[in-house]
Amino acid sequence: MNLYFRLLLLRLRTRTGPRLSLWDEARTPFRVTLTDLDPLRHVNNGKYLSMLDLGRLDLMIRSGFWGSLTDRGWYPVVAAQTITYKRSLTLGQRFELVTRVLGVDERSVYLEQTFVRRGEVIARAVVQGRFLRKTGGTVSPSELLDAVGGAPSDLSLPEWVHEWAGAVRISSDAA
């Protein structure tokens, strides 16, 4: 993550901002800066991915989940992600990154993250996350759900996300 200044601002904002449930939407405000731009003067596609990191961190911190993870010696990693761009963002524009948990399966947790400016979708990403132990090994989604007191009864992973996860999975015997 190369957005250390934004990370510092996020940490300051989460100390005074509203608390969330892990199952709520986190709305993280941003403004496009000069260092976000590529030679075509719009936000570089790699910067979007770095901002996704901050949006997920915002949700985890404000919901208290981050503290629960660190207490257990767990940490999140991105296993796969896909992003679709609809519009460009340019210097000085304000926007929000809306992050929400889509659901879980037997291996992973899935999030939807949407860049929104003035009510219009700019880009949307789906992220497959896993959690690892600092001592080695993976944390099962059932352990994660136990740590947060379970998931809402209406939380159901969309079928297309199952299909996408299967399509991008790298087999253990791949070269």
N, C-alpha and C. Protein backbone atom coordinates (compact mmCIF):
# COMPACT_ATOMS: atom_id res chain seq x y z
N MET A 1 0.86 -1.17 0.00
CA MET A 1 0.00 0.00 0.00
C MET A 1 0.91 1.23 0.00
N ASN A 2 0.77 2.08 -1.00
CA ASN A 2 1.63 3.25 -1.11
C ASN A 2 0.91 4.55 -0.76
N LEU A 3 -0.12 4.47 0.01
CA LEU A 3 -0.91 5.65 0.34
C LEU A 3 -0.80 5.97 1.83
N TYR A 4 0.43 6.14 2.31
CA TYR A 4 0.65 6.30 3.74
C TYR A 4 -0.02 7.54 4.32
N PHE A 5 -0.01 8.65 3.59
CA PHE A 5 -0.67 9.85 4.08
C PHE A 5 -2.17 9.61 4.22
N ARG A 6 -2.77 8.97 3.23
CA ARG A 6 -4.20 8.65 3.32
C ARG A 6 -4.47 7.66 4.44
N LEU A 7 -3.55 6.75 4.67
CA LEU A 7 -3.70 5.80 5.77
C LEU A 7 -3.71 6.54 7.11
N LEU A 8 -2.83 7.50 7.26
CA LEU A 8 -2.80 8.31 8.49
C LEU A 8 -4.11 9.08 8.66
N LEU A 9 -4.61 9.70 7.60
CA LEU A 9 -5.89 10.41 7.67
C LEU A 9 -7.03 9.46 8.02
N LEU A 10 -7.01 8.28 7.44
CA LEU A 10 -8.04 7.29 7.73
C LEU A 10 -8.02 6.92 9.21
N ARG A 11 -6.84 6.68 9.76
CA ARG A 11 -6.73 6.32 11.17
C ARG A 11 -7.27 7.45 12.06
N LEU A 12 -6.98 8.68 11.71
CA LEU A 12 -7.49 9.81 12.50
C LEU A 12 -9.01 9.89 12.39
N ARG A 13 -9.54 9.68 11.20
CA ARG A 13 -10.98 9.77 10.99
C ARG A 13 -11.72 8.64 11.69
N THR A 14 -11.14 7.45 11.71
CA THR A 14 -11.83 6.32 12.34
C THR A 14 -11.91 6.48 13.86
N ARG A 15 -11.03 7.27 14.43
CA ARG A 15 -11.08 7.48 15.89
C ARG A 15 -12.28 8.32 16.30
N THR A 16 -12.70 9.21 15.41
CA THR A 16 -13.81 10.11 15.75
C THR A 16 -15.07 9.83 14.94
N GLY A 17 -14.97 8.98 13.93
CA GLY A 17 -16.12 8.71 13.06
C GLY A 17 -17.10 7.74 13.69
N PRO A 18 -18.24 7.58 13.03
CA PRO A 18 -19.27 6.68 13.55
C PRO A 18 -18.84 5.22 13.49
N ARG A 19 -19.26 4.46 14.48
CA ARG A 19 -18.99 3.02 14.51
C ARG A 19 -19.94 2.33 13.54
N LEU A 20 -19.51 1.20 13.03
CA LEU A 20 -20.31 0.42 12.09
C LEU A 20 -20.38 -1.02 12.54
N SER A 21 -21.33 -1.73 12.01
CA SER A 21 -21.33 -3.19 12.08
C SER A 21 -20.50 -3.66 10.89
N LEU A 22 -19.90 -4.83 10.99
CA LEU A 22 -19.17 -5.39 9.87
C LEU A 22 -20.09 -5.59 8.67
N TRP A 23 -21.37 -5.66 8.91
CA TRP A 23 -22.35 -5.93 7.85
C TRP A 23 -22.94 -4.65 7.26
N ASP A 24 -22.51 -3.48 7.78
CA ASP A 24 -22.92 -2.19 7.24
C ASP A 24 -22.06 -1.81 6.04
N GLU A 25 -22.48 -0.79 5.32
CA GLU A 25 -21.65 -0.19 4.28
C GLU A 25 -20.73 0.83 4.93
N ALA A 26 -19.46 0.77 4.57
CA ALA A 26 -18.52 1.82 4.98
C ALA A 26 -18.39 2.78 3.81
N ARG A 27 -18.56 4.07 4.08
CA ARG A 27 -18.42 5.09 3.05
C ARG A 27 -17.17 5.90 3.39
N THR A 28 -16.14 5.71 2.59
CA THR A 28 -14.85 6.33 2.84
C THR A 28 -14.64 7.47 1.84
N PRO A 29 -14.51 8.71 2.33
CA PRO A 29 -14.35 9.85 1.41
C PRO A 29 -12.91 10.00 0.92
N PHE A 30 -12.78 10.42 -0.32
CA PHE A 30 -11.47 10.68 -0.93
C PHE A 30 -11.57 11.93 -1.79
N ARG A 31 -10.39 12.44 -2.13
CA ARG A 31 -10.27 13.50 -3.13
C ARG A 31 -9.06 13.13 -4.00
N VAL A 32 -9.21 13.28 -5.31
CA VAL A 32 -8.12 12.95 -6.23
C VAL A 32 -6.99 13.95 -6.06
N THR A 33 -5.78 13.44 -5.84
CA THR A 33 -4.60 14.29 -5.71
C THR A 33 -3.69 14.09 -6.93
N LEU A 34 -2.71 14.95 -7.04
CA LEU A 34 -1.79 14.91 -8.17
C LEU A 34 -1.08 13.56 -8.28
N THR A 35 -0.74 12.97 -7.16
CA THR A 35 -0.02 11.69 -7.19
C THR A 35 -0.90 10.51 -7.58
N ASP A 36 -2.20 10.72 -7.69
CA ASP A 36 -3.11 9.65 -8.14
C ASP A 36 -3.17 9.54 -9.66
N LEU A 37 -2.68 10.56 -10.35
CA LEU A 37 -2.89 10.66 -11.79
C LEU A 37 -1.82 9.95 -12.61
N ASP A 38 -2.24 9.48 -13.78
CA ASP A 38 -1.30 8.93 -14.75
C ASP A 38 -1.04 10.00 -15.82
N PRO A 39 -0.24 9.72 -16.84
CA PRO A 39 0.05 10.75 -17.85
C PRO A 39 -1.19 11.27 -18.60
N LEU A 40 -2.28 10.52 -18.57
CA LEU A 40 -3.51 10.98 -19.23
C LEU A 40 -4.37 11.85 -18.31
N ARG A 41 -3.84 12.16 -17.11
CA ARG A 41 -4.45 13.07 -16.13
C ARG A 41 -5.76 12.54 -15.54
N HIS A 42 -5.88 11.23 -15.44
CA HIS A 42 -6.98 10.64 -14.68
C HIS A 42 -6.39 9.61 -13.73
N VAL A 43 -7.18 9.16 -12.76
CA VAL A 43 -6.65 8.26 -11.73
C VAL A 43 -6.12 6.99 -12.38
N ASN A 44 -4.90 6.65 -12.03
CA ASN A 44 -4.23 5.45 -12.51
C ASN A 44 -4.95 4.21 -11.99
N ASN A 45 -5.07 3.19 -12.82
CA ASN A 45 -5.81 1.99 -12.40
C ASN A 45 -5.20 1.33 -11.16
N GLY A 46 -3.90 1.40 -10.99
CA GLY A 46 -3.28 0.83 -9.79
C GLY A 46 -3.65 1.58 -8.52
N LYS A 47 -3.90 2.88 -8.64
CA LYS A 47 -4.32 3.67 -7.47
C LYS A 47 -5.68 3.23 -6.97
N TYR A 48 -6.56 2.85 -7.90
CA TYR A 48 -7.87 2.35 -7.48
C TYR A 48 -7.68 1.15 -6.55
N LEU A 49 -6.77 0.24 -6.91
CA LEU A 49 -6.57 -0.96 -6.10
C LEU A 49 -6.02 -0.60 -4.72
N SER A 50 -5.14 0.39 -4.66
CA SER A 50 -4.62 0.83 -3.35
C SER A 50 -5.72 1.46 -2.51
N MET A 51 -6.62 2.21 -3.15
CA MET A 51 -7.73 2.79 -2.41
C MET A 51 -8.69 1.71 -1.91
N LEU A 52 -8.83 0.62 -2.67
CA LEU A 52 -9.65 -0.49 -2.19
C LEU A 52 -9.13 -1.01 -0.86
N ASP A 53 -7.80 -1.09 -0.72
CA ASP A 53 -7.20 -1.51 0.56
C ASP A 53 -7.69 -0.62 1.70
N LEU A 54 -7.68 0.69 1.46
CA LEU A 54 -8.09 1.64 2.50
C LEU A 54 -9.57 1.51 2.82
N GLY A 55 -10.40 1.27 1.82
CA GLY A 55 -11.83 1.09 2.07
C GLY A 55 -12.10 -0.13 2.94
N ARG A 56 -11.40 -1.23 2.65
CA ARG A 56 -11.58 -2.44 3.47
C ARG A 56 -11.09 -2.20 4.89
N LEU A 57 -9.96 -1.51 5.01
CA LEU A 57 -9.43 -1.21 6.34
C LEU A 57 -10.39 -0.31 7.12
N ASP A 58 -11.00 0.65 6.46
CA ASP A 58 -11.98 1.53 7.10
C ASP A 58 -13.13 0.71 7.68
N LEU A 59 -13.68 -0.20 6.89
CA LEU A 59 -14.77 -1.05 7.38
C LEU A 59 -14.32 -1.89 8.57
N MET A 60 -13.14 -2.49 8.47
CA MET A 60 -12.67 -3.36 9.56
C MET A 60 -12.39 -2.58 10.84
N ILE A 61 -11.82 -1.40 10.72
CA ILE A 61 -11.51 -0.61 11.92
C ILE A 61 -12.80 -0.10 12.57
N ARG A 62 -13.67 0.53 11.77
CA ARG A 62 -14.88 1.13 12.35
C ARG A 62 -15.86 0.10 12.90
N SER A 63 -15.78 -1.13 12.43
CA SER A 63 -16.65 -2.19 12.96
C SER A 63 -16.04 -2.89 14.17
N GLY A 64 -14.77 -2.58 14.48
CA GLY A 64 -14.09 -3.26 15.57
C GLY A 64 -13.48 -4.59 15.17
N PHE A 65 -13.68 -5.00 13.93
CA PHE A 65 -13.18 -6.28 13.45
C PHE A 65 -11.66 -6.30 13.39
N TRP A 66 -11.05 -5.16 13.07
CA TRP A 66 -9.59 -5.09 12.98
C TRP A 66 -8.94 -5.44 14.32
N GLY A 67 -9.48 -4.90 15.40
CA GLY A 67 -8.95 -5.21 16.72
C GLY A 67 -9.09 -6.68 17.06
N SER A 68 -10.22 -7.26 16.68
CA SER A 68 -10.46 -8.68 16.91
C SER A 68 -9.46 -9.53 16.13
N LEU A 69 -9.16 -9.12 14.90
CA LEU A 69 -8.18 -9.85 14.08
C LEU A 69 -6.80 -9.81 14.72
N THR A 70 -6.36 -8.61 15.07
CA THR A 70 -5.01 -8.47 15.61
C THR A 70 -4.87 -9.17 16.95
N ASP A 71 -5.93 -9.16 17.77
CA ASP A 71 -5.89 -9.87 19.05
C ASP A 71 -5.67 -11.36 18.85
N ARG A 72 -6.18 -11.90 17.75
CA ARG A 72 -6.07 -13.33 17.47
C ARG A 72 -4.83 -13.69 16.64
N GLY A 73 -4.09 -12.67 16.21
CA GLY A 73 -2.93 -12.94 15.37
C GLY A 73 -3.30 -13.29 13.94
N TRP A 74 -4.41 -12.74 13.46
CA TRP A 74 -4.86 -12.98 12.09
C TRP A 74 -4.65 -11.71 11.27
N TYR A 75 -4.52 -11.89 9.96
CA TYR A 75 -4.44 -10.73 9.08
C TYR A 75 -5.05 -11.07 7.72
N PRO A 76 -5.62 -10.05 7.04
CA PRO A 76 -6.30 -10.28 5.76
C PRO A 76 -5.33 -10.20 4.58
N VAL A 77 -5.64 -10.97 3.55
CA VAL A 77 -4.93 -10.89 2.27
C VAL A 77 -5.96 -10.95 1.15
N VAL A 78 -5.62 -10.36 0.03
CA VAL A 78 -6.48 -10.44 -1.15
C VAL A 78 -6.08 -11.69 -1.93
N ALA A 79 -7.05 -12.56 -2.18
CA ALA A 79 -6.81 -13.76 -2.97
C ALA A 79 -7.09 -13.50 -4.45
N ALA A 80 -8.10 -12.70 -4.74
CA ALA A 80 -8.45 -12.36 -6.12
C ALA A 80 -9.30 -11.09 -6.09
N GLN A 81 -9.28 -10.38 -7.20
CA GLN A 81 -10.14 -9.21 -7.32
C GLN A 81 -10.37 -8.91 -8.79
N THR A 82 -11.49 -8.29 -9.05
CA THR A 82 -11.81 -7.83 -10.39
C THR A 82 -12.42 -6.45 -10.25
N ILE A 83 -12.11 -5.59 -11.21
CA ILE A 83 -12.64 -4.23 -11.15
C ILE A 83 -13.08 -3.82 -12.56
N THR A 84 -14.19 -3.10 -12.60
CA THR A 84 -14.72 -2.57 -13.85
C THR A 84 -14.81 -1.05 -13.72
N TYR A 85 -14.29 -0.35 -14.72
CA TYR A 85 -14.26 1.11 -14.73
C TYR A 85 -15.35 1.63 -15.66
N LYS A 86 -16.09 2.62 -15.18
CA LYS A 86 -17.17 3.19 -15.99
C LYS A 86 -16.85 4.63 -16.41
N ARG A 87 -16.30 5.40 -15.50
CA ARG A 87 -15.97 6.80 -15.74
C ARG A 87 -14.58 7.08 -15.17
N SER A 88 -14.01 8.20 -15.57
CA SER A 88 -12.71 8.62 -15.04
C SER A 88 -12.89 9.57 -13.86
N LEU A 89 -11.90 9.58 -13.00
CA LEU A 89 -11.79 10.58 -11.95
C LEU A 89 -10.58 11.45 -12.27
N THR A 90 -10.72 12.77 -12.08
CA THR A 90 -9.65 13.69 -12.42
C THR A 90 -9.29 14.55 -11.20
N LEU A 91 -8.21 15.30 -11.35
CA LEU A 91 -7.63 16.07 -10.26
C LEU A 91 -8.66 16.91 -9.51
N GLY A 92 -8.63 16.79 -8.19
CA GLY A 92 -9.47 17.60 -7.32
C GLY A 92 -10.87 17.05 -7.07
N GLN A 93 -11.30 16.07 -7.83
CA GLN A 93 -12.66 15.56 -7.65
C GLN A 93 -12.78 14.79 -6.33
N ARG A 94 -13.91 15.02 -5.66
CA ARG A 94 -14.24 14.28 -4.44
C ARG A 94 -15.09 13.08 -4.83
N PHE A 95 -14.91 11.99 -4.09
CA PHE A 95 -15.71 10.79 -4.32
C PHE A 95 -15.71 9.95 -3.05
N GLU A 96 -16.57 8.96 -3.04
CA GLU A 96 -16.64 8.02 -1.91
C GLU A 96 -16.35 6.62 -2.42
N LEU A 97 -15.77 5.83 -1.54
CA LEU A 97 -15.61 4.40 -1.80
C LEU A 97 -16.55 3.69 -0.83
N VAL A 98 -17.54 2.99 -1.38
CA VAL A 98 -18.54 2.28 -0.58
C VAL A 98 -18.12 0.81 -0.53
N THR A 99 -17.90 0.31 0.69
CA THR A 99 -17.43 -1.06 0.89
C THR A 99 -18.47 -1.83 1.68
N ARG A 100 -18.79 -3.05 1.19
CA ARG A 100 -19.72 -3.90 1.94
C ARG A 100 -19.36 -5.36 1.72
N VAL A 101 -19.67 -6.17 2.73
CA VAL A 101 -19.46 -7.61 2.64
C VAL A 101 -20.58 -8.20 1.79
N LEU A 102 -20.21 -8.95 0.76
CA LEU A 102 -21.20 -9.64 -0.07
C LEU A 102 -21.60 -10.97 0.54
N GLY A 103 -20.64 -11.66 1.13
CA GLY A 103 -20.93 -12.97 1.72
C GLY A 103 -19.67 -13.78 1.90
N VAL A 104 -19.86 -15.02 2.29
CA VAL A 104 -18.74 -15.94 2.52
C VAL A 104 -19.07 -17.28 1.87
N ASP A 105 -18.01 -18.02 1.57
CA ASP A 105 -18.18 -19.42 1.17
C ASP A 105 -17.26 -20.25 2.06
N GLU A 106 -16.99 -21.47 1.67
CA GLU A 106 -16.19 -22.36 2.51
C GLU A 106 -14.71 -21.98 2.55
N ARG A 107 -14.28 -21.05 1.69
CA ARG A 107 -12.86 -20.68 1.62
C ARG A 107 -12.57 -19.21 1.91
N SER A 108 -13.51 -18.34 1.56
CA SER A 108 -13.19 -16.92 1.49
C SER A 108 -14.34 -16.03 1.93
N VAL A 109 -13.99 -14.75 2.08
CA VAL A 109 -14.95 -13.67 2.31
C VAL A 109 -14.93 -12.80 1.06
N TYR A 110 -16.09 -12.32 0.64
CA TYR A 110 -16.20 -11.52 -0.58
C TYR A 110 -16.77 -10.16 -0.25
N LEU A 111 -16.17 -9.14 -0.85
CA LEU A 111 -16.62 -7.77 -0.65
C LEU A 111 -16.88 -7.11 -1.99
N GLU A 112 -17.83 -6.19 -1.98
CA GLU A 112 -18.08 -5.33 -3.13
C GLU A 112 -17.63 -3.93 -2.73
N GLN A 113 -16.87 -3.29 -3.60
CA GLN A 113 -16.40 -1.94 -3.34
C GLN A 113 -16.70 -1.08 -4.56
N THR A 114 -17.41 0.01 -4.32
CA THR A 114 -17.90 0.85 -5.41
C THR A 114 -17.42 2.29 -5.22
N PHE A 115 -16.79 2.83 -6.25
CA PHE A 115 -16.38 4.23 -6.27
C PHE A 115 -17.56 5.04 -6.78
N VAL A 116 -17.99 6.04 -5.99
CA VAL A 116 -19.18 6.82 -6.32
C VAL A 116 -18.84 8.31 -6.26
N ARG A 117 -19.26 9.04 -7.28
CA ARG A 117 -19.12 10.50 -7.30
C ARG A 117 -20.46 11.10 -7.66
N ARG A 118 -20.98 11.92 -6.75
CA ARG A 118 -22.28 12.59 -6.96
C ARG A 118 -23.36 11.60 -7.36
N GLY A 119 -23.40 10.47 -6.69
CA GLY A 119 -24.43 9.47 -6.93
C GLY A 119 -24.20 8.58 -8.14
N GLU A 120 -23.13 8.81 -8.87
CA GLU A 120 -22.85 8.03 -10.08
C GLU A 120 -21.72 7.04 -9.82
N VAL A 121 -21.90 5.81 -10.28
CA VAL A 121 -20.86 4.79 -10.14
C VAL A 121 -19.72 5.10 -11.10
N ILE A 122 -18.51 5.16 -10.55
CA ILE A 122 -17.30 5.41 -11.33
C ILE A 122 -16.62 4.08 -11.67
N ALA A 123 -16.52 3.22 -10.66
CA ALA A 123 -15.90 1.90 -10.84
C ALA A 123 -16.44 0.98 -9.75
N ARG A 124 -16.41 -0.31 -10.03
CA ARG A 124 -16.88 -1.29 -9.04
C ARG A 124 -15.93 -2.47 -9.04
N ALA A 125 -15.60 -2.94 -7.83
CA ALA A 125 -14.70 -4.08 -7.66
C ALA A 125 -15.35 -5.14 -6.80
N VAL A 126 -14.99 -6.37 -7.06
CA VAL A 126 -15.33 -7.49 -6.18
C VAL A 126 -14.01 -8.08 -5.73
N VAL A 127 -13.88 -8.26 -4.42
CA VAL A 127 -12.64 -8.72 -3.83
C VAL A 127 -12.88 -10.01 -3.06
N GLN A 128 -12.04 -10.99 -3.32
CA GLN A 128 -12.06 -12.25 -2.56
C GLN A 128 -10.93 -12.16 -1.55
N GLY A 129 -11.28 -12.23 -0.27
CA GLY A 129 -10.28 -12.13 0.77
C GLY A 129 -10.16 -13.41 1.57
N ARG A 130 -8.98 -13.63 2.06
CA ARG A 130 -8.71 -14.73 2.97
C ARG A 130 -8.03 -14.14 4.19
N PHE A 131 -8.01 -14.92 5.24
CA PHE A 131 -7.36 -14.49 6.46
C PHE A 131 -6.34 -15.54 6.86
N LEU A 132 -5.15 -15.07 7.21
CA LEU A 132 -4.05 -15.95 7.57
C LEU A 132 -3.68 -15.74 9.03
N ARG A 133 -3.04 -16.75 9.58
CA ARG A 133 -2.52 -16.68 10.95
C ARG A 133 -1.05 -16.28 10.89
N LYS A 134 -0.64 -15.40 11.79
CA LYS A 134 0.77 -15.03 11.85
C LYS A 134 1.64 -16.24 12.18
N THR A 135 1.06 -17.23 12.83
CA THR A 135 1.79 -18.45 13.17
C THR A 135 1.80 -19.45 12.02
N GLY A 136 1.10 -19.14 10.93
CA GLY A 136 1.02 -20.01 9.77
C GLY A 136 -0.35 -20.62 9.61
N GLY A 137 -0.76 -20.84 8.38
CA GLY A 137 -2.05 -21.44 8.10
C GLY A 137 -3.13 -20.41 7.85
N THR A 138 -4.27 -20.92 7.42
CA THR A 138 -5.40 -20.05 7.11
C THR A 138 -6.45 -20.10 8.20
N VAL A 139 -7.25 -19.06 8.25
CA VAL A 139 -8.39 -18.97 9.16
C VAL A 139 -9.63 -19.31 8.34
N SER A 140 -10.42 -20.23 8.80
CA SER A 140 -11.62 -20.61 8.04
C SER A 140 -12.69 -19.53 8.19
N PRO A 141 -13.53 -19.39 7.17
CA PRO A 141 -14.63 -18.44 7.28
C PRO A 141 -15.52 -18.72 8.50
N SER A 142 -15.69 -19.98 8.87
CA SER A 142 -16.52 -20.28 10.05
C SER A 142 -15.87 -19.73 11.32
N GLU A 143 -14.53 -19.77 11.42
CA GLU A 143 -13.85 -19.17 12.56
C GLU A 143 -14.04 -17.65 12.57
N LEU A 144 -13.97 -17.05 11.38
CA LEU A 144 -14.19 -15.60 11.28
C LEU A 144 -15.58 -15.23 11.74
N LEU A 145 -16.57 -15.99 11.27
CA LEU A 145 -17.95 -15.70 11.65
C LEU A 145 -18.16 -15.88 13.15
N ASP A 146 -17.52 -16.89 13.73
CA ASP A 146 -17.60 -17.07 15.18
C ASP A 146 -17.02 -15.86 15.91
N ALA A 147 -15.93 -15.30 15.37
CA ALA A 147 -15.27 -14.16 16.00
C ALA A 147 -16.13 -12.91 15.99
N VAL A 148 -17.06 -12.81 15.03
CA VAL A 148 -17.91 -11.61 14.94
C VAL A 148 -19.34 -11.89 15.39
N GLY A 149 -19.57 -13.07 15.95
CA GLY A 149 -20.91 -13.39 16.44
C GLY A 149 -21.87 -13.85 15.36
N GLY A 150 -21.34 -14.31 14.24
CA GLY A 150 -22.19 -14.83 13.17
C GLY A 150 -22.54 -13.78 12.14
N ALA A 151 -23.14 -14.24 11.06
CA ALA A 151 -23.55 -13.37 9.96
C ALA A 151 -25.05 -13.14 10.00
N PRO A 152 -25.52 -12.06 9.40
CA PRO A 152 -26.97 -11.86 9.30
C PRO A 152 -27.63 -13.03 8.56
N SER A 153 -28.84 -13.35 8.94
CA SER A 153 -29.52 -14.50 8.34
C SER A 153 -29.79 -14.31 6.85
N ASP A 154 -29.87 -13.07 6.40
CA ASP A 154 -30.16 -12.82 4.98
C ASP A 154 -28.91 -12.66 4.12
N LEU A 155 -27.73 -12.89 4.70
CA LEU A 155 -26.49 -12.77 3.94
C LEU A 155 -26.32 -14.01 3.07
N SER A 156 -26.37 -13.81 1.77
CA SER A 156 -26.28 -14.92 0.82
C SER A 156 -25.40 -14.50 -0.34
N LEU A 157 -24.34 -15.23 -0.56
CA LEU A 157 -23.40 -14.90 -1.64
C LEU A 157 -24.07 -15.13 -2.99
N PRO A 158 -24.08 -14.10 -3.86
CA PRO A 158 -24.70 -14.27 -5.17
C PRO A 158 -24.04 -15.39 -5.98
N GLU A 159 -24.83 -16.08 -6.78
CA GLU A 159 -24.33 -17.21 -7.57
C GLU A 159 -23.21 -16.79 -8.52
N TRP A 160 -23.32 -15.61 -9.11
CA TRP A 160 -22.28 -15.18 -10.04
C TRP A 160 -20.94 -15.01 -9.35
N VAL A 161 -20.93 -14.70 -8.04
CA VAL A 161 -19.67 -14.58 -7.31
C VAL A 161 -19.06 -15.97 -7.12
N HIS A 162 -19.89 -16.97 -6.82
CA HIS A 162 -19.40 -18.36 -6.76
C HIS A 162 -18.74 -18.75 -8.09
N GLU A 163 -19.42 -18.43 -9.19
CA GLU A 163 -18.91 -18.78 -10.52
C GLU A 163 -17.59 -18.06 -10.80
N TRP A 164 -17.54 -16.77 -10.47
CA TRP A 164 -16.31 -15.99 -10.67
C TRP A 164 -15.17 -16.58 -9.85
N ALA A 165 -15.43 -16.89 -8.58
CA ALA A 165 -14.38 -17.44 -7.71
C ALA A 165 -13.85 -18.75 -8.28
N GLY A 166 -14.73 -19.58 -8.79
CA GLY A 166 -14.29 -20.83 -9.40
C GLY A 166 -13.47 -20.60 -10.65
N ALA A 167 -13.86 -19.60 -11.43
CA ALA A 167 -13.16 -19.32 -12.69
C ALA A 167 -11.76 -18.77 -12.47
N VAL A 168 -11.54 -18.03 -11.40
CA VAL A 168 -10.21 -17.42 -11.17
C VAL A 168 -9.33 -18.25 -10.24
N ARG A 169 -9.84 -19.32 -9.70
CA ARG A 169 -9.06 -20.16 -8.79
C ARG A 169 -7.89 -20.79 -9.54
N ILE A 170 -6.72 -20.73 -8.95
CA ILE A 170 -5.53 -21.35 -9.52
C ILE A 170 -5.37 -22.71 -8.85
N SER A 171 -5.32 -23.75 -9.65
CA SER A 171 -5.21 -25.10 -9.08
C SER A 171 -3.83 -25.29 -8.47
N SER A 172 -3.73 -26.20 -7.53
CA SER A 172 -2.46 -26.43 -6.83
C SER A 172 -1.40 -27.05 -7.73
N ASP A 173 -1.80 -27.64 -8.86
CA ASP A 173 -0.83 -28.24 -9.77
C ASP A 173 -0.50 -27.33 -10.96
N ALA A 174 -0.93 -26.08 -10.91
CA ALA A 174 -0.64 -25.14 -12.01
C ALA A 174 0.85 -24.79 -12.01
N ALA A 175 1.39 -24.55 -13.21
CA ALA A 175 2.81 -24.24 -13.35
C ALA A 175 3.16 -22.89 -12.82
